[in-house]
């Protein structure tokens, strides 16, 4: 997947946000990834705001994150934000989590150009 392609980047962004909202990762892991990820790698304004709000919420339980996120994104200027549609498909299997994690790693690599790549 080439990250210079807008469709590929869009998929990376979507998958990363699905990963960060997944119940299959711990709050501390989410917080650490958010700390390392530069918001500027999110080209889509809505996805950038969603990421910034996830990061701002910190290392909370994913269920609580999903409760709080819609109101926070709406307050940031996206009144029609629907978390269920945004994260569709809503449920993530353990097998899918690897693919979503890989997307997060690719965005992390983009956040720190010139450093050793995190993906192999």
PDB file of N, CA and C in Angstrom:
ATOM      1  N   UNK A   1       0.843  -1.174   0.000  1.00  0.00           N
ATOM      2  CA  UNK A   1       0.000   0.000   0.000  1.00  0.00           C
ATOM      3  C   UNK A   1       0.885   1.232   0.000  1.00  0.00           C
ATOM      4  N   UNK A   2       0.674   2.113  -0.983  1.00  0.00           N
ATOM      5  CA  UNK A   2       1.472   3.327  -1.034  1.00  0.00           C
ATOM      6  C   UNK A   2       0.758   4.435  -0.281  1.00  0.00           C
ATOM      7  N   UNK A   3       1.492   5.103   0.580  1.00  0.00           N
ATOM      8  CA  UNK A   3       0.886   6.134   1.404  1.00  0.00           C
ATOM      9  C   UNK A   3       0.736   7.455   0.666  1.00  0.00           C
ATOM     10  N   UNK A   4       1.315   7.579  -0.534  1.00  0.00           N
ATOM     11  CA  UNK A   4       1.142   8.804  -1.303  1.00  0.00           C
ATOM     12  C   UNK A   4      -0.186   8.796  -2.052  1.00  0.00           C
ATOM     13  N   UNK A   5      -0.795   7.649  -2.199  1.00  0.00           N
ATOM     14  CA  UNK A   5      -2.086   7.509  -2.854  1.00  0.00           C
ATOM     15  C   UNK A   5      -3.185   7.938  -1.876  1.00  0.00           C
ATOM     16  N   UNK A   6      -4.037   8.912  -2.261  1.00  0.00           N
ATOM     17  CA  UNK A   6      -5.070   9.400  -1.343  1.00  0.00           C
ATOM     18  C   UNK A   6      -6.007   8.307  -0.827  1.00  0.00           C
ATOM     19  N   UNK A   7      -6.363   7.351  -1.667  1.00  0.00           N
ATOM     20  CA  UNK A   7      -7.236   6.263  -1.223  1.00  0.00           C
ATOM     21  C   UNK A   7      -6.529   5.379  -0.194  1.00  0.00           C
ATOM     22  N   UNK A   8      -5.262   5.106  -0.408  1.00  0.00           N
ATOM     23  CA  UNK A   8      -4.495   4.299   0.540  1.00  0.00           C
ATOM     24  C   UNK A   8      -4.354   5.015   1.868  1.00  0.00           C
ATOM     25  N   UNK A   9      -4.073   6.316   1.815  1.00  0.00           N
ATOM     26  CA  UNK A   9      -3.943   7.096   3.037  1.00  0.00           C
ATOM     27  C   UNK A   9      -5.270   7.145   3.785  1.00  0.00           C
ATOM     28  N   UNK A  10      -6.354   7.303   3.057  1.00  0.00           N
ATOM     29  CA  UNK A  10      -7.674   7.321   3.668  1.00  0.00           C
ATOM     30  C   UNK A  10      -7.948   6.006   4.396  1.00  0.00           C
ATOM     31  N   UNK A  11      -7.593   4.896   3.766  1.00  0.00           N
ATOM     32  CA  UNK A  11      -7.780   3.585   4.394  1.00  0.00           C
ATOM     33  C   UNK A  11      -6.909   3.436   5.634  1.00  0.00           C
ATOM     34  N   UNK A  12      -5.656   3.902   5.558  1.00  0.00           N
ATOM     35  CA  UNK A  12      -4.774   3.866   6.737  1.00  0.00           C
ATOM     36  C   UNK A  12      -5.371   4.656   7.895  1.00  0.00           C
ATOM     37  N   UNK A  13      -5.894   5.837   7.589  1.00  0.00           N
ATOM     38  CA  UNK A  13      -6.492   6.669   8.623  1.00  0.00           C
ATOM     39  C   UNK A  13      -7.705   5.980   9.252  1.00  0.00           C
ATOM     40  N   UNK A  14      -8.587   5.463   8.410  1.00  0.00           N
ATOM     41  CA  UNK A  14      -9.791   4.781   8.907  1.00  0.00           C
ATOM     42  C   UNK A  14      -9.415   3.578   9.762  1.00  0.00           C
ATOM     43  N   UNK A  15      -8.503   2.760   9.260  1.00  0.00           N
ATOM     44  CA  UNK A  15      -8.102   1.564   9.999  1.00  0.00           C
ATOM     45  C   UNK A  15      -7.430   1.902  11.320  1.00  0.00           C
ATOM     46  N   UNK A  16      -6.630   2.950  11.330  1.00  0.00           N
ATOM     47  CA  UNK A  16      -5.967   3.357  12.567  1.00  0.00           C
ATOM     48  C   UNK A  16      -6.995   3.790  13.603  1.00  0.00           C
ATOM     49  N   UNK A  17      -7.984   4.544  13.183  1.00  0.00           N
ATOM     50  CA  UNK A  17      -9.015   4.985  14.123  1.00  0.00           C
ATOM     51  C   UNK A  17      -9.863   3.811  14.606  1.00  0.00           C
ATOM     52  N   UNK A  18     -10.150   2.880  13.730  1.00  0.00           N
ATOM     53  CA  UNK A  18     -10.871   1.670  14.166  1.00  0.00           C
ATOM     54  C   UNK A  18     -10.039   0.920  15.197  1.00  0.00           C
ATOM     55  N   UNK A  19      -8.742   0.834  14.967  1.00  0.00           N
ATOM     56  CA  UNK A  19      -7.839   0.160  15.909  1.00  0.00           C
ATOM     57  C   UNK A  19      -7.853   0.875  17.259  1.00  0.00           C
ATOM     58  N   UNK A  20      -7.747   2.195  17.237  1.00  0.00           N
ATOM     59  CA  UNK A  20      -7.698   2.951  18.478  1.00  0.00           C
ATOM     60  C   UNK A  20      -8.999   2.870  19.270  1.00  0.00           C
ATOM     61  N   UNK A  21     -10.111   2.628  18.594  1.00  0.00           N
ATOM     62  CA  UNK A  21     -11.405   2.515  19.275  1.00  0.00           C
ATOM     63  C   UNK A  21     -11.763   1.072  19.623  1.00  0.00           C
ATOM     64  N   UNK A  22     -10.943   0.126  19.223  1.00  0.00           N
ATOM     65  CA  UNK A  22     -11.238  -1.282  19.430  1.00  0.00           C
ATOM     66  C   UNK A  22     -11.222  -1.658  20.904  1.00  0.00           C
ATOM     67  N   UNK A  23     -12.118  -2.571  21.259  1.00  0.00           N
ATOM     68  CA  UNK A  23     -12.137  -3.104  22.630  1.00  0.00           C
ATOM     69  C   UNK A  23     -11.017  -4.109  22.836  1.00  0.00           C
ATOM     70  N   UNK A  24     -10.303  -4.457  21.774  1.00  0.00           N
ATOM     71  CA  UNK A  24      -9.253  -5.463  21.866  1.00  0.00           C
ATOM     72  C   UNK A  24      -7.893  -4.877  22.254  1.00  0.00           C
ATOM     73  N   UNK A  25      -7.806  -3.567  22.425  1.00  0.00           N
ATOM     74  CA  UNK A  25      -6.547  -2.982  22.896  1.00  0.00           C
ATOM     75  C   UNK A  25      -6.787  -2.286  24.228  1.00  0.00           C
ATOM     76  N   UNK A  26      -5.758  -2.246  25.034  1.00  0.00           N
ATOM     77  CA  UNK A  26      -5.847  -1.614  26.350  1.00  0.00           C
ATOM     78  C   UNK A  26      -5.677  -0.100  26.226  1.00  0.00           C
ATOM     79  N   UNK A  27      -6.238   0.608  27.196  1.00  0.00           N
ATOM     80  CA  UNK A  27      -6.165   2.060  27.203  1.00  0.00           C
ATOM     81  C   UNK A  27      -4.740   2.583  27.172  1.00  0.00           C
ATOM     82  N   UNK A  28      -3.842   1.921  27.882  1.00  0.00           N
ATOM     83  CA  UNK A  28      -2.444   2.344  27.899  1.00  0.00           C
ATOM     84  C   UNK A  28      -1.796   2.235  26.532  1.00  0.00           C
ATOM     85  N   UNK A  29      -2.120   1.171  25.811  1.00  0.00           N
ATOM     86  CA  UNK A  29      -1.599   0.990  24.452  1.00  0.00           C
ATOM     87  C   UNK A  29      -2.122   2.096  23.553  1.00  0.00           C
ATOM     88  N   UNK A  30      -3.423   2.382  23.669  1.00  0.00           N
ATOM     89  CA  UNK A  30      -4.020   3.455  22.882  1.00  0.00           C
ATOM     90  C   UNK A  30      -3.327   4.783  23.197  1.00  0.00           C
ATOM     91  N   UNK A  31      -3.128   5.060  24.457  1.00  0.00           N
ATOM     92  CA  UNK A  31      -2.499   6.309  24.856  1.00  0.00           C
ATOM     93  C   UNK A  31      -1.085   6.448  24.317  1.00  0.00           C
ATOM     94  N   UNK A  32      -0.334   5.364  24.347  1.00  0.00           N
ATOM     95  CA  UNK A  32       1.048   5.398  23.852  1.00  0.00           C
ATOM     96  C   UNK A  32       1.088   5.621  22.340  1.00  0.00           C
ATOM     97  N   UNK A  33       0.226   4.953  21.602  1.00  0.00           N
ATOM     98  CA  UNK A  33       0.180   5.141  20.148  1.00  0.00           C
ATOM     99  C   UNK A  33      -0.217   6.578  19.831  1.00  0.00           C
ATOM    100  N   UNK A  34      -1.212   7.089  20.534  1.00  0.00           N
ATOM    101  CA  UNK A  34      -1.649   8.473  20.309  1.00  0.00           C
ATOM    102  C   UNK A  34      -0.539   9.468  20.624  1.00  0.00           C
ATOM    103  N   UNK A  35       0.242   9.180  21.642  1.00  0.00           N
ATOM    104  CA  UNK A  35       1.349  10.063  22.006  1.00  0.00           C
ATOM    105  C   UNK A  35       2.392  10.114  20.884  1.00  0.00           C
ATOM    106  N   UNK A  36       2.624   8.991  20.241  1.00  0.00           N
ATOM    107  CA  UNK A  36       3.648   8.904  19.203  1.00  0.00           C
ATOM    108  C   UNK A  36       3.172   9.385  17.832  1.00  0.00           C
ATOM    109  N   UNK A  37       1.878   9.355  17.623  1.00  0.00           N
ATOM    110  CA  UNK A  37       1.317   9.670  16.308  1.00  0.00           C
ATOM    111  C   UNK A  37       1.116  11.174  16.160  1.00  0.00           C
ATOM    112  N   UNK A  38       1.612  11.714  15.075  1.00  0.00           N
ATOM    113  CA  UNK A  38       1.462  13.142  14.775  1.00  0.00           C
ATOM    114  C   UNK A  38       0.098  13.363  14.115  1.00  0.00           C
ATOM    115  N   UNK A  39      -0.747  14.231  14.682  1.00  0.00           N
ATOM    116  CA  UNK A  39      -2.064  14.468  14.091  1.00  0.00           C
ATOM    117  C   UNK A  39      -2.012  14.952  12.646  1.00  0.00           C
ATOM    118  N   UNK A  40      -0.902  15.553  12.243  1.00  0.00           N
ATOM    119  CA  UNK A  40      -0.814  16.084  10.879  1.00  0.00           C
ATOM    120  C   UNK A  40      -0.793  14.995   9.808  1.00  0.00           C
ATOM    121  N   UNK A  41      -0.566  13.732  10.185  1.00  0.00           N
ATOM    122  CA  UNK A  41      -0.609  12.668   9.177  1.00  0.00           C
ATOM    123  C   UNK A  41      -2.043  12.373   8.747  1.00  0.00           C
ATOM    124  N   UNK A  42      -3.023  12.818   9.529  1.00  0.00           N
ATOM    125  CA  UNK A  42      -4.427  12.644   9.156  1.00  0.00           C
ATOM    126  C   UNK A  42      -4.816  13.783   8.222  1.00  0.00           C
ATOM    127  N   UNK A  43      -5.004  13.454   6.954  1.00  0.00           N
ATOM    128  CA  UNK A  43      -5.317  14.464   5.945  1.00  0.00           C
ATOM    129  C   UNK A  43      -6.782  14.873   5.972  1.00  0.00           C
ATOM    130  N   UNK A  44      -7.662  13.954   6.348  1.00  0.00           N
ATOM    131  CA  UNK A  44      -9.090  14.241   6.398  1.00  0.00           C
ATOM    132  C   UNK A  44      -9.406  15.013   7.689  1.00  0.00           C
ATOM    133  N   UNK A  45     -10.063  16.174   7.584  1.00  0.00           N
ATOM    134  CA  UNK A  45     -10.333  16.981   8.787  1.00  0.00           C
ATOM    135  C   UNK A  45     -11.148  16.243   9.855  1.00  0.00           C
ATOM    136  N   UNK A  46     -12.163  15.504   9.460  1.00  0.00           N
ATOM    137  CA  UNK A  46     -12.956  14.764  10.436  1.00  0.00           C
ATOM    138  C   UNK A  46     -12.117  13.712  11.134  1.00  0.00           C
ATOM    139  N   UNK A  47     -11.348  12.944  10.371  1.00  0.00           N
ATOM    140  CA  UNK A  47     -10.520  11.901  10.992  1.00  0.00           C
ATOM    141  C   UNK A  47      -9.456  12.514  11.892  1.00  0.00           C
ATOM    142  N   UNK A  48      -8.932  13.678  11.519  1.00  0.00           N
ATOM    143  CA  UNK A  48      -7.946  14.342  12.378  1.00  0.00           C
ATOM    144  C   UNK A  48      -8.590  14.750  13.707  1.00  0.00           C
ATOM    145  N   UNK A  49      -9.791  15.306  13.650  1.00  0.00           N
ATOM    146  CA  UNK A  49     -10.495  15.703  14.874  1.00  0.00           C
ATOM    147  C   UNK A  49     -10.800  14.482  15.733  1.00  0.00           C
ATOM    148  N   UNK A  50     -11.248  13.401  15.111  1.00  0.00           N
ATOM    149  CA  UNK A  50     -11.521  12.176  15.867  1.00  0.00           C
ATOM    150  C   UNK A  50     -10.245  11.715  16.563  1.00  0.00           C
ATOM    151  N   UNK A  51      -9.132  11.699  15.840  1.00  0.00           N
ATOM    152  CA  UNK A  51      -7.866  11.295  16.456  1.00  0.00           C
ATOM    153  C   UNK A  51      -7.500  12.218  17.610  1.00  0.00           C
ATOM    154  N   UNK A  52      -7.601  13.518  17.400  1.00  0.00           N
ATOM    155  CA  UNK A  52      -7.234  14.471  18.455  1.00  0.00           C
ATOM    156  C   UNK A  52      -8.083  14.261  19.707  1.00  0.00           C
ATOM    157  N   UNK A  53      -9.356  13.950  19.523  1.00  0.00           N
ATOM    158  CA  UNK A  53     -10.234  13.720  20.677  1.00  0.00           C
ATOM    159  C   UNK A  53      -9.897  12.392  21.369  1.00  0.00           C
ATOM    160  N   UNK A  54      -9.570  11.377  20.599  1.00  0.00           N
ATOM    161  CA  UNK A  54      -9.139  10.103  21.193  1.00  0.00           C
ATOM    162  C   UNK A  54      -7.883  10.348  22.022  1.00  0.00           C
ATOM    163  N   UNK A  55      -6.947  11.065  21.451  1.00  0.00           N
ATOM    164  CA  UNK A  55      -5.692  11.367  22.152  1.00  0.00           C
ATOM    165  C   UNK A  55      -5.948  12.171  23.422  1.00  0.00           C
ATOM    166  N   UNK A  56      -6.833  13.136  23.340  1.00  0.00           N
ATOM    167  CA  UNK A  56      -7.154  13.986  24.488  1.00  0.00           C
ATOM    168  C   UNK A  56      -7.807  13.187  25.622  1.00  0.00           C
ATOM    169  N   UNK A  57      -8.593  12.184  25.273  1.00  0.00           N
ATOM    170  CA  UNK A  57      -9.261  11.369  26.297  1.00  0.00           C
ATOM    171  C   UNK A  57      -8.279  10.479  27.047  1.00  0.00           C
ATOM    172  N   UNK A  58      -7.134  10.212  26.453  1.00  0.00           N
ATOM    173  CA  UNK A  58      -6.094   9.456  27.146  1.00  0.00           C
ATOM    174  C   UNK A  58      -6.377   7.970  27.245  1.00  0.00           C
ATOM    175  N   UNK A  59      -5.829   7.372  28.280  1.00  0.00           N
ATOM    176  CA  UNK A  59      -5.834   5.912  28.435  1.00  0.00           C
ATOM    177  C   UNK A  59      -7.099   5.425  29.151  1.00  0.00           C
ATOM    178  N   UNK A  60      -8.262   5.775  28.584  1.00  0.00           N
ATOM    179  CA  UNK A  60      -9.509   5.316  29.194  1.00  0.00           C
ATOM    180  C   UNK A  60      -9.965   4.015  28.546  1.00  0.00           C
ATOM    181  N   UNK A  61     -10.892   3.350  29.182  1.00  0.00           N
ATOM    182  CA  UNK A  61     -11.491   2.123  28.663  1.00  0.00           C
ATOM    183  C   UNK A  61     -12.157   2.417  27.311  1.00  0.00           C
ATOM    184  N   UNK A  62     -12.053   1.492  26.375  1.00  0.00           N
ATOM    185  CA  UNK A  62     -12.590   1.716  25.031  1.00  0.00           C
ATOM    186  C   UNK A  62     -14.104   1.914  25.038  1.00  0.00           C
ATOM    187  N   UNK A  63     -14.801   1.255  25.937  1.00  0.00           N
ATOM    188  CA  UNK A  63     -16.253   1.446  25.996  1.00  0.00           C
ATOM    189  C   UNK A  63     -16.587   2.881  26.410  1.00  0.00           C
ATOM    190  N   UNK A  64     -15.847   3.400  27.357  1.00  0.00           N
ATOM    191  CA  UNK A  64     -16.042   4.787  27.790  1.00  0.00           C
ATOM    192  C   UNK A  64     -15.645   5.747  26.670  1.00  0.00           C
ATOM    193  N   UNK A  65     -14.581   5.436  25.968  1.00  0.00           N
ATOM    194  CA  UNK A  65     -14.151   6.233  24.824  1.00  0.00           C
ATOM    195  C   UNK A  65     -15.279   6.345  23.809  1.00  0.00           C
ATOM    196  N   UNK A  66     -15.910   5.234  23.500  1.00  0.00           N
ATOM    197  CA  UNK A  66     -16.993   5.220  22.523  1.00  0.00           C
ATOM    198  C   UNK A  66     -18.213   5.992  23.011  1.00  0.00           C
ATOM    199  N   UNK A  67     -18.399   6.058  24.304  1.00  0.00           N
ATOM    200  CA  UNK A  67     -19.507   6.845  24.855  1.00  0.00           C
ATOM    201  C   UNK A  67     -19.242   8.342  24.713  1.00  0.00           C
ATOM    202  N   UNK A  68     -18.020   8.763  24.990  1.00  0.00           N
ATOM    203  CA  UNK A  68     -17.675  10.183  25.031  1.00  0.00           C
ATOM    204  C   UNK A  68     -17.351  10.780  23.668  1.00  0.00           C
ATOM    205  N   UNK A  69     -16.830   9.986  22.767  1.00  0.00           N
ATOM    206  CA  UNK A  69     -16.312  10.498  21.499  1.00  0.00           C
ATOM    207  C   UNK A  69     -17.344  11.235  20.642  1.00  0.00           C
ATOM    208  N   UNK A  70     -18.552  10.706  20.454  1.00  0.00           N
ATOM    209  CA  UNK A  70     -19.500  11.416  19.569  1.00  0.00           C
ATOM    210  C   UNK A  70     -19.779  12.858  19.997  1.00  0.00           C
ATOM    211  N   UNK A  71     -20.027  13.098  21.262  1.00  0.00           N
ATOM    212  CA  UNK A  71     -20.315  14.467  21.720  1.00  0.00           C
ATOM    213  C   UNK A  71     -19.104  15.368  21.537  1.00  0.00           C
ATOM    214  N   UNK A  72     -17.923  14.842  21.785  1.00  0.00           N
ATOM    215  CA  UNK A  72     -16.708  15.652  21.652  1.00  0.00           C
ATOM    216  C   UNK A  72     -16.458  16.042  20.199  1.00  0.00           C
ATOM    217  N   UNK A  73     -16.682  15.097  19.277  1.00  0.00           N
ATOM    218  CA  UNK A  73     -16.484  15.393  17.851  1.00  0.00           C
ATOM    219  C   UNK A  73     -17.563  16.359  17.370  1.00  0.00           C
ATOM    220  N   UNK A  74     -18.789  16.175  17.825  1.00  0.00           N
ATOM    221  CA  UNK A  74     -19.869  17.100  17.477  1.00  0.00           C
ATOM    222  C   UNK A  74     -19.533  18.507  17.951  1.00  0.00           C
ATOM    223  N   UNK A  75     -19.015  18.628  19.158  1.00  0.00           N
ATOM    224  CA  UNK A  75     -18.645  19.939  19.705  1.00  0.00           C
ATOM    225  C   UNK A  75     -17.497  20.587  18.942  1.00  0.00           C
ATOM    226  N   UNK A  76     -16.741  19.804  18.200  1.00  0.00           N
ATOM    227  CA  UNK A  76     -15.625  20.339  17.412  1.00  0.00           C
ATOM    228  C   UNK A  76     -16.065  20.760  16.010  1.00  0.00           C
ATOM    229  N   UNK A  77     -17.372  20.712  15.741  1.00  0.00           N
ATOM    230  CA  UNK A  77     -17.871  21.228  14.468  1.00  0.00           C
ATOM    231  C   UNK A  77     -18.353  20.200  13.474  1.00  0.00           C
ATOM    232  N   UNK A  78     -18.598  18.986  13.918  1.00  0.00           N
ATOM    233  CA  UNK A  78     -19.111  17.944  13.035  1.00  0.00           C
ATOM    234  C   UNK A  78     -20.434  17.426  13.602  1.00  0.00           C
ATOM    235  N   UNK A  79     -21.532  18.206  13.420  1.00  0.00           N
ATOM    236  CA  UNK A  79     -22.806  17.886  14.062  1.00  0.00           C
ATOM    237  C   UNK A  79     -23.436  16.575  13.596  1.00  0.00           C
ATOM    238  N   UNK A  80     -23.097  16.112  12.417  1.00  0.00           N
ATOM    239  CA  UNK A  80     -23.690  14.881  11.898  1.00  0.00           C
ATOM    240  C   UNK A  80     -22.832  13.653  12.164  1.00  0.00           C
ATOM    241  N   UNK A  81     -21.842  13.773  13.040  1.00  0.00           N
ATOM    242  CA  UNK A  81     -20.933  12.662  13.312  1.00  0.00           C
ATOM    243  C   UNK A  81     -21.689  11.477  13.904  1.00  0.00           C
ATOM    244  N   UNK A  82     -21.514  10.322  13.281  1.00  0.00           N
ATOM    245  CA  UNK A  82     -22.130   9.075  13.738  1.00  0.00           C
ATOM    246  C   UNK A  82     -21.009   8.060  13.937  1.00  0.00           C
ATOM    247  N   UNK A  83     -20.688   7.778  15.181  1.00  0.00           N
ATOM    248  CA  UNK A  83     -19.577   6.880  15.492  1.00  0.00           C
ATOM    249  C   UNK A  83     -19.790   5.498  14.904  1.00  0.00           C
ATOM    250  N   UNK A  84     -21.017   4.989  14.970  1.00  0.00           N
ATOM    251  CA  UNK A  84     -21.280   3.642  14.458  1.00  0.00           C
ATOM    252  C   UNK A  84     -20.965   3.547  12.970  1.00  0.00           C
ATOM    253  N   UNK A  85     -21.412   4.528  12.199  1.00  0.00           N
ATOM    254  CA  UNK A  85     -21.127   4.530  10.761  1.00  0.00           C
ATOM    255  C   UNK A  85     -19.653   4.780  10.503  1.00  0.00           C
ATOM    256  N   UNK A  86     -19.051   5.644  11.306  1.00  0.00           N
ATOM    257  CA  UNK A  86     -17.646   6.009  11.133  1.00  0.00           C
ATOM    258  C   UNK A  86     -16.718   4.818  11.333  1.00  0.00           C
ATOM    259  N   UNK A  87     -17.043   3.969  12.306  1.00  0.00           N
ATOM    260  CA  UNK A  87     -16.188   2.826  12.619  1.00  0.00           C
ATOM    261  C   UNK A  87     -16.607   1.541  11.921  1.00  0.00           C
ATOM    262  N   UNK A  88     -17.604   1.625  11.045  1.00  0.00           N
ATOM    263  CA  UNK A  88     -18.125   0.422  10.385  1.00  0.00           C
ATOM    264  C   UNK A  88     -17.030  -0.290   9.608  1.00  0.00           C
ATOM    265  N   UNK A  89     -16.965  -1.589   9.656  1.00  0.00           N
ATOM    266  CA  UNK A  89     -17.758  -2.432  10.548  1.00  0.00           C
ATOM    267  C   UNK A  89     -17.332  -2.237  12.003  1.00  0.00           C
ATOM    268  N   UNK A  90     -18.326  -2.173  12.862  1.00  0.00           N
ATOM    269  CA  UNK A  90     -18.123  -1.792  14.263  1.00  0.00           C
ATOM    270  C   UNK A  90     -17.272  -2.801  15.034  1.00  0.00           C
ATOM    271  N   UNK A  91     -17.559  -4.057  14.893  1.00  0.00           N
ATOM    272  CA  UNK A  91     -16.835  -5.091  15.630  1.00  0.00           C
ATOM    273  C   UNK A  91     -15.564  -5.489  14.883  1.00  0.00           C
ATOM    274  N   UNK A  92     -14.521  -5.710  15.624  1.00  0.00           N
ATOM    275  CA  UNK A  92     -13.233  -6.101  15.055  1.00  0.00           C
ATOM    276  C   UNK A  92     -12.850  -7.454  15.645  1.00  0.00           C
ATOM    277  N   UNK A  93     -12.493  -8.378  14.763  1.00  0.00           N
ATOM    278  CA  UNK A  93     -12.045  -9.683  15.238  1.00  0.00           C
ATOM    279  C   UNK A  93     -10.573  -9.599  15.607  1.00  0.00           C
ATOM    280  N   UNK A  94     -10.122 -10.604  16.334  1.00  0.00           N
ATOM    281  CA  UNK A  94      -8.702 -10.626  16.700  1.00  0.00           C
ATOM    282  C   UNK A  94      -7.819 -10.718  15.463  1.00  0.00           C
ATOM    283  N   UNK A  95      -8.284 -11.390  14.421  1.00  0.00           N
ATOM    284  CA  UNK A  95      -7.502 -11.480  13.185  1.00  0.00           C
ATOM    285  C   UNK A  95      -7.413 -10.117  12.499  1.00  0.00           C
ATOM    286  N   UNK A  96      -8.509  -9.378  12.494  1.00  0.00           N
ATOM    287  CA  UNK A  96      -8.511  -8.056  11.855  1.00  0.00           C
ATOM    288  C   UNK A  96      -7.647  -7.055  12.612  1.00  0.00           C
ATOM    289  N   UNK A  97      -7.506  -7.251  13.893  1.00  0.00           N
ATOM    290  CA  UNK A  97      -6.750  -6.300  14.703  1.00  0.00           C
ATOM    291  C   UNK A  97      -5.304  -6.193  14.212  1.00  0.00           C
ATOM    292  N   UNK A  98      -4.736  -7.298  13.710  1.00  0.00           N
ATOM    293  CA  UNK A  98      -3.379  -7.261  13.161  1.00  0.00           C
ATOM    294  C   UNK A  98      -3.287  -6.309  11.965  1.00  0.00           C
ATOM    295  N   UNK A  99      -4.271  -6.378  11.087  1.00  0.00           N
ATOM    296  CA  UNK A  99      -4.281  -5.498   9.915  1.00  0.00           C
ATOM    297  C   UNK A  99      -4.457  -4.042  10.355  1.00  0.00           C
ATOM    298  N   UNK A 100      -5.331  -3.806  11.325  1.00  0.00           N
ATOM    299  CA  UNK A 100      -5.557  -2.452  11.806  1.00  0.00           C
ATOM    300  C   UNK A 100      -4.309  -1.914  12.509  1.00  0.00           C
ATOM    301  N   UNK A 101      -3.640  -2.776  13.268  1.00  0.00           N
ATOM    302  CA  UNK A 101      -2.401  -2.391  13.938  1.00  0.00           C
ATOM    303  C   UNK A 101      -1.328  -2.027  12.909  1.00  0.00           C
ATOM    304  N   UNK A 102      -1.272  -2.789  11.835  1.00  0.00           N
ATOM    305  CA  UNK A 102      -0.310  -2.497  10.766  1.00  0.00           C
ATOM    306  C   UNK A 102      -0.564  -1.109  10.175  1.00  0.00           C
ATOM    307  N   UNK A 103      -1.822  -0.735  10.034  1.00  0.00           N
ATOM    308  CA  UNK A 103      -2.153   0.611   9.544  1.00  0.00           C
ATOM    309  C   UNK A 103      -1.639   1.674  10.506  1.00  0.00           C
ATOM    310  N   UNK A 104      -1.821   1.436  11.802  1.00  0.00           N
ATOM    311  CA  UNK A 104      -1.327   2.382  12.800  1.00  0.00           C
ATOM    312  C   UNK A 104       0.189   2.505  12.718  1.00  0.00           C
ATOM    313  N   UNK A 105       0.873   1.388  12.530  1.00  0.00           N
ATOM    314  CA  UNK A 105       2.328   1.424  12.412  1.00  0.00           C
ATOM    315  C   UNK A 105       2.773   2.221  11.190  1.00  0.00           C
ATOM    316  N   UNK A 106       2.049   2.081  10.092  1.00  0.00           N
ATOM    317  CA  UNK A 106       2.404   2.835   8.889  1.00  0.00           C
ATOM    318  C   UNK A 106       2.230   4.335   9.111  1.00  0.00           C
ATOM    319  N   UNK A 107       1.152   4.726   9.811  1.00  0.00           N
ATOM    320  CA  UNK A 107       0.981   6.148  10.118  1.00  0.00           C
ATOM    321  C   UNK A 107       2.047   6.624  11.093  1.00  0.00           C
ATOM    322  N   UNK A 108       2.449   5.762  12.019  1.00  0.00           N
ATOM    323  CA  UNK A 108       3.541   6.124  12.933  1.00  0.00           C
ATOM    324  C   UNK A 108       4.824   6.372  12.157  1.00  0.00           C
ATOM    325  N   UNK A 109       5.100   5.523  11.168  1.00  0.00           N
ATOM    326  CA  UNK A 109       6.284   5.732  10.321  1.00  0.00           C
ATOM    327  C   UNK A 109       6.199   7.081   9.609  1.00  0.00           C
ATOM    328  N   UNK A 110       5.003   7.455   9.168  1.00  0.00           N
ATOM    329  CA  UNK A 110       4.822   8.740   8.491  1.00  0.00           C
ATOM    330  C   UNK A 110       4.979   9.901   9.473  1.00  0.00           C
ATOM    331  N   UNK A 111       4.693   9.661  10.747  1.00  0.00           N
ATOM    332  CA  UNK A 111       4.810  10.695  11.775  1.00  0.00           C
ATOM    333  C   UNK A 111       6.261  11.025  12.085  1.00  0.00           C
ATOM    334  N   UNK A 112       7.140  10.084  11.803  1.00  0.00           N
ATOM    335  CA  UNK A 112       8.548  10.240  12.152  1.00  0.00           C
ATOM    336  C   UNK A 112       9.421   9.900  10.944  1.00  0.00           C
ATOM    337  N   UNK A 113       9.326  10.693   9.869  1.00  0.00           N
ATOM    338  CA  UNK A 113      10.130  10.397   8.682  1.00  0.00           C
ATOM    339  C   UNK A 113      11.620  10.499   8.994  1.00  0.00           C
ATOM    340  N   UNK A 114      12.364   9.634   8.390  1.00  0.00           N
ATOM    341  CA  UNK A 114      13.805   9.660   8.592  1.00  0.00           C
ATOM    342  C   UNK A 114      14.275   8.801   9.747  1.00  0.00           C
ATOM    343  N   UNK A 115      13.361   8.370  10.607  1.00  0.00           N
ATOM    344  CA  UNK A 115      13.725   7.481  11.693  1.00  0.00           C
ATOM    345  C   UNK A 115      13.568   6.045  11.226  1.00  0.00           C
ATOM    346  N   UNK A 116      14.103   5.112  11.985  1.00  0.00           N
ATOM    347  CA  UNK A 116      13.988   3.710  11.639  1.00  0.00           C
ATOM    348  C   UNK A 116      12.517   3.347  11.552  1.00  0.00           C
ATOM    349  N   UNK A 117      12.140   2.646  10.461  1.00  0.00           N
ATOM    350  CA  UNK A 117      10.747   2.271  10.276  1.00  0.00           C
ATOM    351  C   UNK A 117      10.311   1.263  11.312  1.00  0.00           C
ATOM    352  N   UNK A 118       9.029   1.386  11.727  1.00  0.00           N
ATOM    353  CA  UNK A 118       8.450   0.476  12.704  1.00  0.00           C
ATOM    354  C   UNK A 118       7.875  -0.767  12.053  1.00  0.00           C
ATOM    355  N   UNK A 119       7.552  -0.682  10.738  1.00  0.00           N
ATOM    356  CA  UNK A 119       6.966  -1.827  10.045  1.00  0.00           C
ATOM    357  C   UNK A 119       8.065  -2.606   9.347  1.00  0.00           C
ATOM    358  N   UNK A 120       7.898  -3.890   9.297  1.00  0.00           N
ATOM    359  CA  UNK A 120       8.859  -4.766   8.603  1.00  0.00           C
ATOM    360  C   UNK A 120       8.177  -5.485   7.487  1.00  0.00           C
TER     361      UNK A 120
END
